[in-house]
N, C-alpha and C. Protein backbone atom coordinates (compact mmCIF):
# COMPACT_ATOMS: atom_id res chain seq x y z
N MET A 1 8.17 39.56 5.60
CA MET A 1 7.44 40.80 5.83
C MET A 1 5.96 40.54 6.08
N ASP A 2 5.45 39.47 5.48
CA ASP A 2 4.04 39.15 5.68
C ASP A 2 3.76 38.72 7.12
N SER A 3 4.76 38.15 7.75
CA SER A 3 4.55 37.69 9.13
C SER A 3 4.36 38.88 10.08
N LEU A 4 4.91 40.03 9.74
CA LEU A 4 4.72 41.22 10.58
C LEU A 4 3.27 41.67 10.60
N LEU A 5 2.54 41.40 9.54
CA LEU A 5 1.13 41.77 9.49
C LEU A 5 0.31 40.96 10.50
N VAL A 6 0.83 39.83 10.92
CA VAL A 6 0.16 39.01 11.92
C VAL A 6 0.76 39.25 13.29
N LEU A 7 2.09 39.32 13.38
CA LEU A 7 2.76 39.39 14.67
C LEU A 7 2.55 40.72 15.39
N VAL A 8 2.51 41.82 14.67
CA VAL A 8 2.33 43.12 15.33
C VAL A 8 0.95 43.23 15.98
N PRO A 9 -0.14 42.91 15.30
CA PRO A 9 -1.45 42.96 15.99
C PRO A 9 -1.56 41.96 17.14
N VAL A 10 -0.96 40.79 17.00
CA VAL A 10 -1.00 39.80 18.09
C VAL A 10 -0.24 40.33 19.29
N ALA A 11 0.92 40.95 19.08
CA ALA A 11 1.69 41.51 20.18
C ALA A 11 0.94 42.65 20.85
N LEU A 12 0.28 43.49 20.07
CA LEU A 12 -0.51 44.57 20.65
C LEU A 12 -1.70 44.03 21.44
N LEU A 13 -2.32 43.00 20.94
CA LEU A 13 -3.45 42.40 21.64
C LEU A 13 -3.01 41.78 22.97
N LEU A 14 -1.88 41.08 22.96
CA LEU A 14 -1.38 40.48 24.20
C LEU A 14 -0.97 41.56 25.20
N GLY A 15 -0.42 42.65 24.72
CA GLY A 15 -0.06 43.75 25.60
C GLY A 15 -1.30 44.39 26.23
N LEU A 16 -2.35 44.55 25.45
CA LEU A 16 -3.58 45.11 25.99
C LEU A 16 -4.24 44.17 26.99
N ILE A 17 -4.16 42.88 26.74
CA ILE A 17 -4.70 41.91 27.70
C ILE A 17 -3.93 41.97 29.01
N ALA A 18 -2.61 42.06 28.93
CA ALA A 18 -1.80 42.15 30.14
C ALA A 18 -2.09 43.45 30.89
N LEU A 19 -2.26 44.54 30.18
CA LEU A 19 -2.59 45.81 30.81
C LEU A 19 -3.96 45.74 31.49
N ALA A 20 -4.91 45.14 30.83
CA ALA A 20 -6.25 44.99 31.42
C ALA A 20 -6.20 44.11 32.67
N ALA A 21 -5.41 43.04 32.64
CA ALA A 21 -5.29 42.18 33.82
C ALA A 21 -4.63 42.93 34.97
N PHE A 22 -3.63 43.74 34.68
CA PHE A 22 -2.97 44.52 35.72
C PHE A 22 -3.92 45.55 36.32
N LEU A 23 -4.67 46.24 35.48
CA LEU A 23 -5.61 47.23 35.99
C LEU A 23 -6.73 46.58 36.79
N TRP A 24 -7.17 45.40 36.38
CA TRP A 24 -8.19 44.67 37.14
C TRP A 24 -7.66 44.31 38.52
N ALA A 25 -6.42 43.82 38.58
CA ALA A 25 -5.83 43.45 39.86
C ALA A 25 -5.62 44.68 40.74
N LEU A 26 -5.26 45.78 40.15
CA LEU A 26 -5.05 47.01 40.90
C LEU A 26 -6.37 47.51 41.49
N ARG A 27 -7.43 47.45 40.73
CA ARG A 27 -8.74 47.93 41.21
C ARG A 27 -9.36 47.00 42.24
N ASN A 28 -8.99 45.72 42.22
CA ASN A 28 -9.56 44.77 43.16
C ASN A 28 -8.73 44.63 44.42
N GLY A 29 -7.74 45.49 44.62
CA GLY A 29 -7.01 45.52 45.87
C GLY A 29 -5.92 44.49 46.02
N GLN A 30 -5.39 43.97 44.93
CA GLN A 30 -4.35 42.96 45.02
C GLN A 30 -3.03 43.53 45.55
N TYR A 31 -2.84 44.83 45.43
CA TYR A 31 -1.58 45.45 45.82
C TYR A 31 -1.75 46.39 47.01
N ASP A 32 -2.78 46.21 47.79
CA ASP A 32 -3.04 47.11 48.90
C ASP A 32 -2.02 46.98 50.02
N ASP A 33 -1.60 45.76 50.36
CA ASP A 33 -0.71 45.54 51.49
C ASP A 33 0.43 44.60 51.08
N PRO A 34 1.39 45.07 50.30
CA PRO A 34 2.44 44.18 49.83
C PRO A 34 3.43 43.76 50.93
N GLU A 35 3.54 44.53 52.01
CA GLU A 35 4.47 44.20 53.08
C GLU A 35 3.82 43.37 54.18
N GLY A 36 2.53 43.28 54.21
CA GLY A 36 1.83 42.60 55.29
C GLY A 36 2.14 41.12 55.38
N ALA A 37 2.07 40.40 54.28
CA ALA A 37 2.32 38.97 54.30
C ALA A 37 3.78 38.68 54.61
N ALA A 38 4.67 39.52 54.13
CA ALA A 38 6.09 39.32 54.40
C ALA A 38 6.40 39.52 55.88
N GLY A 39 5.73 40.43 56.53
CA GLY A 39 5.97 40.68 57.94
C GLY A 39 5.27 39.68 58.84
N ARG A 40 4.12 39.18 58.42
CA ARG A 40 3.35 38.24 59.24
C ARG A 40 4.04 36.90 59.40
N ILE A 41 4.82 36.50 58.43
CA ILE A 41 5.46 35.18 58.52
C ILE A 41 6.55 35.19 59.59
N LEU A 42 7.04 36.35 59.99
CA LEU A 42 8.10 36.44 60.99
C LEU A 42 7.58 36.30 62.41
N PHE A 43 6.30 36.52 62.62
CA PHE A 43 5.72 36.47 63.96
C PHE A 43 5.01 35.14 64.19
N ASP A 44 5.26 34.55 65.34
CA ASP A 44 4.65 33.28 65.69
C ASP A 44 3.34 33.53 66.44
N ASP A 45 2.29 32.84 66.06
CA ASP A 45 0.98 33.04 66.68
C ASP A 45 0.82 32.28 68.00
N ASP A 46 1.71 31.38 68.30
CA ASP A 46 1.57 30.56 69.53
C ASP A 46 1.76 31.34 70.79
């Protein structure tokens, strides 16, 4: 039971860090064009 006093705050902290990283990526435009790179590889530039 004592381990829960450590594991619950650590899990919450890791979840908040992951949420902050996701929000940072979202605000910096990482998800603006998810289909663009997938479509560009099909076309040859030559």
